[in-house]
Amino acid sequence: MSLIFIPLLFFFAAAVFFIHEAWKYTRLIGNIFLSLVYSPALEPFGSSRGERITILDSSQNEIPALLVEKKDSARLVIFCHESGATKDSWEKYASFLPDKGYSILSVGFEKKSQNGSPNTLAQWPTEEDVANLVTVIRWAKKAFRQGTRIFLFGVSNGADIALAASSHDPAVAAVIADGLFSMKEILRDYIRRWAPILVRPNFFGENYPDWVVGLFAGLGFWRCQRQSGTTFVDVEKFLKKPHVPLLMVHGEEDDYVPPSHQRFLDRLSGKERGTEHLTVPQAGHNQAIVRGREVYEEKIVKFLERLA
């Protein structure tokens, strides 16, 4: 009995140790990740075009929006701005679309913390944002003439919100996703970078196996949601399943969504699901329009015209 008991005791001790370490580092990952603040260099936006409107959800909560309506147009682009920007920023990315016959409906996703200071969670896409966008889509179906083609155009976390919302309503014809990212892949990148330094004892040296990185990324994602009381958007889930035609736009020198991250998103989505990808040379995060305006506008117009 003692010979059998010793291996069982060792196994039990190892299991307890693993669970303890997993919980410890899951908490560490969550704390580090939620403390990250992405602060893009944003220019002030003072849109002179558009009617400011308010859309009410089923609970009578207000969703601010900006409408630039092209008379007799049956094509609508709903714009979702990036973190730190406002609904007025649509002109930076989509100013050329009204001249091409598209109405624009830019949605406000601005969030403030309870004390009025900037909300550090605002950089991450949430299911609450998705629900608001779905409300706007359903409002647009009633407000615009029957048969209007609806396209979603999102930037950074707005791109994540747009992709997620597209799966909730068949009226969405396509999605333009400038700066699309996966929160889980960002977690994996941080784990690969910091685990060899922070984890003790370090059983894997400098290169942690993918299964270990994936396990702790999943646990970290769960911990971030539990700790913040927020449900974040899991972009990977939407890329893996059939989705509407998708145009992903990234900068070649994006340090927030680096080339390895972009290739990962491409592999998840695949051309067979109607995904196209524009990569703009010398462009950083959300800078494709700045570094390659001509090719940016041309690609988007061709993508939309093919589906309009």
Protein backbone atom coordinates (compact mmCIF):
# COMPACT_ATOMS: atom_id res chain seq x y z
CA MET A 1 0.00 0.00 0.00
CA SER A 2 2.81 2.37 0.84
CA LEU A 3 4.38 1.92 -2.60
CA ILE A 4 1.08 2.92 -4.21
CA PHE A 5 0.47 5.72 -1.74
CA ILE A 6 3.75 7.53 -2.46
CA PRO A 7 3.06 8.15 -6.19
CA LEU A 8 -0.50 9.22 -5.37
CA LEU A 9 0.79 11.63 -2.75
CA PHE A 10 3.32 13.02 -5.21
CA PHE A 11 0.60 13.41 -7.87
CA PHE A 12 -1.72 15.14 -5.41
CA ALA A 13 1.03 17.52 -4.28
CA ALA A 14 1.92 18.32 -7.89
CA ALA A 15 -1.74 18.99 -8.71
CA VAL A 16 -2.14 21.32 -5.72
CA PHE A 17 1.07 23.14 -6.67
CA PHE A 18 -0.07 23.53 -10.29
CA ILE A 19 -3.50 24.86 -9.30
CA HIS A 20 -1.91 27.31 -6.84
CA GLU A 21 0.57 28.57 -9.44
CA ALA A 22 -2.09 28.76 -12.15
CA TRP A 23 -4.32 30.88 -9.91
CA LYS A 24 -1.42 33.09 -8.83
CA TYR A 25 -0.27 33.83 -12.36
CA THR A 26 -3.80 34.16 -13.70
CA ARG A 27 -4.36 36.96 -11.18
CA LEU A 28 -1.02 38.50 -12.13
CA ILE A 29 -1.87 38.38 -15.84
CA GLY A 30 -5.28 39.93 -15.22
CA ASN A 31 -3.86 42.75 -13.09
CA ILE A 32 -1.15 43.58 -15.61
CA PHE A 33 -3.49 43.46 -18.59
CA LEU A 34 -6.19 45.64 -17.05
CA SER A 35 -3.55 48.21 -16.09
CA LEU A 36 -2.45 48.62 -19.71
CA VAL A 37 -3.50 51.94 -21.21
CA TYR A 38 -3.29 52.54 -24.94
CA SER A 39 -2.98 56.27 -25.58
CA PRO A 40 -3.07 56.98 -29.32
CA ALA A 41 -2.01 60.37 -30.63
CA LEU A 42 -5.42 61.70 -31.58
CA GLU A 43 -6.07 64.94 -33.39
CA PRO A 44 -9.06 67.06 -32.33
CA PHE A 45 -12.19 66.33 -34.35
CA GLY A 46 -14.69 69.05 -35.10
CA SER A 47 -17.00 67.64 -37.71
CA SER A 48 -18.98 70.32 -39.51
CA ARG A 49 -21.12 67.78 -41.31
CA GLY A 50 -23.99 65.81 -39.90
CA GLU A 51 -27.10 66.04 -37.80
CA ARG A 52 -26.67 65.08 -34.15
CA ILE A 53 -29.35 62.59 -33.18
CA THR A 54 -30.18 60.32 -30.25
CA ILE A 55 -31.27 56.70 -30.58
CA LEU A 56 -33.03 54.98 -27.68
CA ASP A 57 -32.56 51.35 -26.76
CA SER A 58 -35.29 49.14 -25.27
CA SER A 59 -34.55 50.54 -21.78
CA GLN A 60 -34.76 54.14 -23.02
CA ASN A 61 -31.01 54.62 -22.67
CA GLU A 62 -29.62 57.20 -25.09
CA ILE A 63 -27.12 56.30 -27.80
CA PRO A 64 -25.64 59.45 -29.39
CA ALA A 65 -25.05 59.44 -33.13
CA LEU A 66 -24.21 61.70 -36.05
CA LEU A 67 -26.13 61.36 -39.33
CA VAL A 68 -24.94 62.49 -42.75
CA GLU A 69 -27.79 61.51 -45.04
CA LYS A 70 -27.54 61.34 -48.81
CA LYS A 71 -30.98 61.83 -50.27
CA ASP A 72 -32.28 58.94 -52.38
CA SER A 73 -29.33 56.77 -51.35
CA ALA A 74 -29.95 53.10 -50.57
CA ARG A 75 -26.50 52.59 -49.05
CA LEU A 76 -25.64 53.29 -45.42
CA VAL A 77 -22.29 53.03 -43.63
CA ILE A 78 -22.49 52.84 -39.83
CA PHE A 79 -19.19 54.08 -38.38
CA CYS A 80 -17.69 52.90 -35.06
CA HIS A 81 -14.88 55.10 -33.77
CA GLU A 82 -11.65 54.10 -32.02
CA SER A 83 -10.88 54.39 -28.31
CA GLY A 84 -10.27 57.97 -27.21
CA ALA A 85 -12.03 59.45 -30.25
CA THR A 86 -15.64 60.51 -30.74
CA LYS A 87 -18.33 60.01 -33.34
CA ASP A 88 -17.02 63.16 -35.09
CA SER A 89 -13.89 61.24 -36.11
CA TRP A 90 -15.75 59.55 -38.98
CA GLU A 91 -14.49 62.28 -41.30
CA LYS A 92 -10.86 61.26 -40.79
CA TYR A 93 -11.54 57.78 -42.12
CA ALA A 94 -14.68 58.00 -44.27
CA SER A 95 -14.99 61.57 -45.58
CA PHE A 96 -14.88 60.28 -49.18
CA LEU A 97 -17.92 58.00 -48.84
CA PRO A 98 -20.78 60.58 -48.98
CA ASP A 99 -19.45 61.73 -52.37
CA LYS A 100 -19.71 58.10 -53.50
CA GLY A 101 -23.40 58.00 -52.60
CA TYR A 102 -23.26 56.58 -49.08
CA SER A 103 -25.11 57.95 -46.06
CA ILE A 104 -23.07 57.91 -42.84
CA LEU A 105 -24.34 57.12 -39.35
CA SER A 106 -21.54 57.54 -36.81
CA VAL A 107 -22.20 56.04 -33.37
CA GLY A 108 -20.83 57.43 -30.10
CA PHE A 109 -19.20 54.84 -27.82
CA GLU A 110 -17.57 57.31 -25.43
CA LYS A 111 -17.35 56.04 -21.85
CA LYS A 112 -16.56 57.84 -18.62
CA SER A 113 -15.80 56.37 -15.24
CA GLN A 114 -18.02 57.23 -12.31
CA ASN A 115 -15.83 60.13 -11.19
CA GLY A 116 -15.77 61.64 -14.67
CA SER A 117 -12.17 60.70 -15.48
CA PRO A 118 -11.24 58.63 -18.56
CA ASN A 119 -12.27 54.99 -18.35
CA THR A 120 -9.20 52.77 -18.80
CA LEU A 121 -11.45 49.92 -19.95
CA ALA A 122 -12.73 52.03 -22.86
CA GLN A 123 -9.92 50.74 -25.08
CA TRP A 124 -11.37 47.23 -24.97
CA PRO A 125 -14.51 46.21 -26.95
CA THR A 126 -17.38 45.02 -24.76
CA GLU A 127 -20.63 43.16 -25.31
CA GLU A 128 -22.42 46.30 -24.08
CA ASP A 129 -20.93 48.18 -27.05
CA VAL A 130 -22.07 45.39 -29.35
CA ALA A 131 -25.62 45.55 -27.96
CA ASN A 132 -25.70 49.32 -28.56
CA LEU A 133 -24.54 48.88 -32.14
CA VAL A 134 -27.15 46.18 -32.78
CA THR A 135 -29.78 48.63 -31.49
CA VAL A 136 -28.52 51.24 -33.97
CA ILE A 137 -28.61 48.72 -36.84
CA ARG A 138 -32.21 47.81 -36.06
CA TRP A 139 -33.15 51.50 -35.78
CA ALA A 140 -31.54 52.15 -39.17
CA LYS A 141 -33.56 49.37 -40.80
CA LYS A 142 -36.73 51.23 -39.83
CA ALA A 143 -35.46 54.79 -40.34
CA PHE A 144 -34.09 54.30 -43.85
CA ARG A 145 -36.01 53.15 -46.88
CA GLN A 146 -36.62 49.47 -47.42
CA GLY A 147 -33.82 47.68 -49.21
CA THR A 148 -31.06 49.96 -47.92
CA ARG A 149 -27.74 48.11 -47.81
CA ILE A 150 -26.07 48.45 -44.41
CA PHE A 151 -22.29 48.31 -44.01
CA LEU A 152 -20.29 48.57 -40.79
CA PHE A 153 -16.98 50.47 -40.65
CA GLY A 154 -14.99 50.24 -37.41
CA VAL A 155 -11.58 51.44 -36.27
CA SER A 156 -9.48 49.58 -33.65
CA ASN A 157 -11.85 48.52 -30.84
CA GLY A 158 -14.64 49.87 -33.05
CA ALA A 159 -13.60 47.27 -35.64
CA ASP A 160 -14.02 44.51 -33.05
CA ILE A 161 -17.45 45.86 -32.10
CA ALA A 162 -18.51 46.02 -35.75
CA LEU A 163 -17.44 42.45 -36.51
CA ALA A 164 -19.23 41.10 -33.44
CA ALA A 165 -22.44 43.04 -34.19
CA SER A 166 -22.51 41.81 -37.79
CA SER A 167 -23.31 38.30 -36.56
CA HIS A 168 -26.43 39.54 -34.73
CA ASP A 169 -28.38 40.95 -37.67
CA PRO A 170 -28.58 39.62 -41.24
CA ALA A 171 -29.16 43.15 -42.54
CA VAL A 172 -25.40 43.81 -42.31
CA ALA A 173 -23.91 43.31 -45.78
CA ALA A 174 -20.20 43.62 -44.93
CA VAL A 175 -17.66 44.95 -42.43
CA ILE A 176 -14.62 47.19 -42.88
CA ALA A 177 -12.30 46.61 -39.92
CA ASP A 178 -9.39 49.07 -39.66
CA GLY A 179 -7.00 47.95 -36.91
CA LEU A 180 -8.94 44.82 -35.90
CA PHE A 181 -7.29 43.00 -32.98
CA SER A 182 -7.81 40.04 -30.67
CA MET A 183 -7.62 40.67 -26.93
CA LYS A 184 -6.59 37.05 -26.43
CA GLU A 185 -3.72 37.34 -28.90
CA ILE A 186 -2.50 40.48 -27.13
CA LEU A 187 -2.59 38.45 -23.91
CA ARG A 188 -0.60 35.67 -25.58
CA ASP A 189 2.02 38.16 -26.78
CA TYR A 190 2.45 39.53 -23.26
CA ILE A 191 2.69 36.05 -21.77
CA ARG A 192 5.35 35.01 -24.30
CA ARG A 193 7.31 38.16 -23.51
CA TRP A 194 7.02 38.26 -19.72
CA ALA A 195 6.52 34.67 -18.55
CA PRO A 196 10.23 33.74 -18.85
CA ILE A 197 11.04 36.72 -16.59
CA LEU A 198 8.21 36.61 -14.04
CA VAL A 199 7.36 32.92 -13.64
CA ARG A 200 9.27 31.06 -10.92
CA PRO A 201 10.16 28.25 -11.08
CA ASN A 202 10.57 28.51 -14.85
CA PHE A 203 10.15 25.04 -16.35
CA PHE A 204 10.18 26.11 -20.00
CA GLY A 205 13.05 28.56 -20.39
CA GLU A 206 12.69 31.35 -22.94
CA ASN A 207 10.14 29.64 -25.20
CA TYR A 208 6.87 28.64 -23.58
CA PRO A 209 4.86 25.95 -25.42
CA ASP A 210 1.78 27.16 -27.27
CA TRP A 211 -0.51 25.05 -25.09
CA VAL A 212 0.81 26.74 -21.93
CA VAL A 213 0.51 30.21 -23.47
CA GLY A 214 -3.00 29.41 -24.72
CA LEU A 215 -4.08 28.03 -21.34
CA PHE A 216 -2.96 31.11 -19.43
CA ALA A 217 -4.33 33.49 -22.08
CA GLY A 218 -7.74 31.86 -21.69
CA LEU A 219 -7.52 32.02 -17.90
CA GLY A 220 -6.28 35.61 -18.06
CA PHE A 221 -9.15 36.64 -20.35
CA TRP A 222 -11.63 35.05 -17.94
CA ARG A 223 -9.93 36.76 -14.98
CA CYS A 224 -10.02 40.19 -16.68
CA GLN A 225 -13.76 39.87 -17.23
CA ARG A 226 -14.42 38.68 -13.71
CA GLN A 227 -12.25 41.38 -12.14
CA SER A 228 -13.72 44.22 -14.21
CA GLY A 229 -17.30 42.97 -14.18
CA THR A 230 -17.32 43.36 -17.96
CA THR A 231 -17.86 40.93 -20.82
CA PHE A 232 -15.29 41.61 -23.52
CA VAL A 233 -15.60 40.76 -27.20
CA ASP A 234 -13.84 37.56 -28.24
CA VAL A 235 -13.02 38.41 -31.86
CA GLU A 236 -11.54 34.98 -32.52
CA LYS A 237 -14.93 33.37 -32.01
CA PHE A 238 -16.44 35.49 -34.79
CA LEU A 239 -13.54 35.02 -37.21
CA LYS A 240 -13.65 31.24 -36.93
CA LYS A 241 -17.28 30.89 -37.95
CA PRO A 242 -18.97 31.98 -41.21
CA HIS A 243 -19.29 35.76 -41.33
CA VAL A 244 -20.18 38.55 -43.73
CA PRO A 245 -17.55 39.76 -46.24
CA LEU A 246 -14.76 41.39 -44.25
CA LEU A 247 -12.07 43.87 -45.24
CA MET A 248 -9.27 44.01 -42.66
CA VAL A 249 -6.95 47.03 -42.81
CA HIS A 250 -3.65 47.21 -40.91
CA GLY A 251 -0.44 49.18 -40.89
CA GLU A 252 2.77 47.38 -41.75
CA GLU A 253 4.50 49.00 -38.75
CA ASP A 254 1.63 48.63 -36.28
CA ASP A 255 3.19 48.00 -32.85
CA TYR A 256 -0.22 47.38 -31.26
CA VAL A 257 -1.29 44.76 -33.81
CA PRO A 258 2.11 43.62 -35.16
CA PRO A 259 2.51 41.55 -38.36
CA SER A 260 2.46 38.25 -36.43
CA HIS A 261 -0.88 39.26 -34.91
CA GLN A 262 -2.22 40.26 -38.33
CA ARG A 263 -1.19 36.91 -39.84
CA PHE A 264 -2.91 35.14 -36.95
CA LEU A 265 -6.17 36.97 -37.71
CA ASP A 266 -5.82 36.11 -41.40
CA ARG A 267 -5.40 32.42 -40.61
CA LEU A 268 -8.48 32.44 -38.38
CA SER A 269 -10.69 34.11 -40.95
CA GLY A 270 -9.44 32.75 -44.25
CA LYS A 271 -10.21 33.90 -47.77
CA GLU A 272 -12.84 31.18 -48.10
CA ARG A 273 -14.98 33.20 -45.68
CA GLY A 274 -14.87 36.28 -47.88
CA THR A 275 -12.01 38.07 -46.09
CA GLU A 276 -9.74 40.61 -47.79
CA HIS A 277 -6.73 42.31 -46.21
CA LEU A 278 -5.09 45.63 -46.99
CA THR A 279 -1.68 46.28 -45.42
CA VAL A 280 -0.34 49.81 -45.79
CA PRO A 281 3.47 50.26 -45.75
CA GLN A 282 5.06 52.51 -43.09
CA ALA A 283 1.74 52.86 -41.26
CA GLY A 284 1.28 52.41 -37.53
CA HIS A 285 -1.92 51.57 -35.65
CA ASN A 286 -4.91 53.34 -37.23
CA GLN A 287 -2.52 55.26 -39.51
CA ALA A 288 -3.30 53.50 -42.79
CA ILE A 289 -5.48 56.41 -43.92
CA VAL A 290 -2.64 58.84 -43.17
CA ARG A 291 0.18 56.90 -44.86
CA GLY A 292 -1.74 55.56 -47.82
CA ARG A 293 -4.88 57.61 -48.34
CA GLU A 294 -5.21 56.90 -52.06
CA VAL A 295 -4.92 53.11 -51.81
CA TYR A 296 -7.01 53.14 -48.61
CA GLU A 297 -9.93 54.95 -50.23
CA GLU A 298 -9.67 52.99 -53.48
CA LYS A 299 -9.69 49.61 -51.70
CA ILE A 300 -12.68 50.50 -49.51
CA VAL A 301 -14.72 51.89 -52.41
CA LYS A 302 -14.06 48.80 -54.55
CA PHE A 303 -14.93 46.52 -51.63
CA LEU A 304 -18.22 48.31 -50.99
CA GLU A 305 -19.19 48.70 -54.65
CA ARG A 306 -18.79 44.97 -55.20
CA LEU A 307 -21.35 44.33 -52.46
CA ALA A 308 -23.67 47.34 -52.73
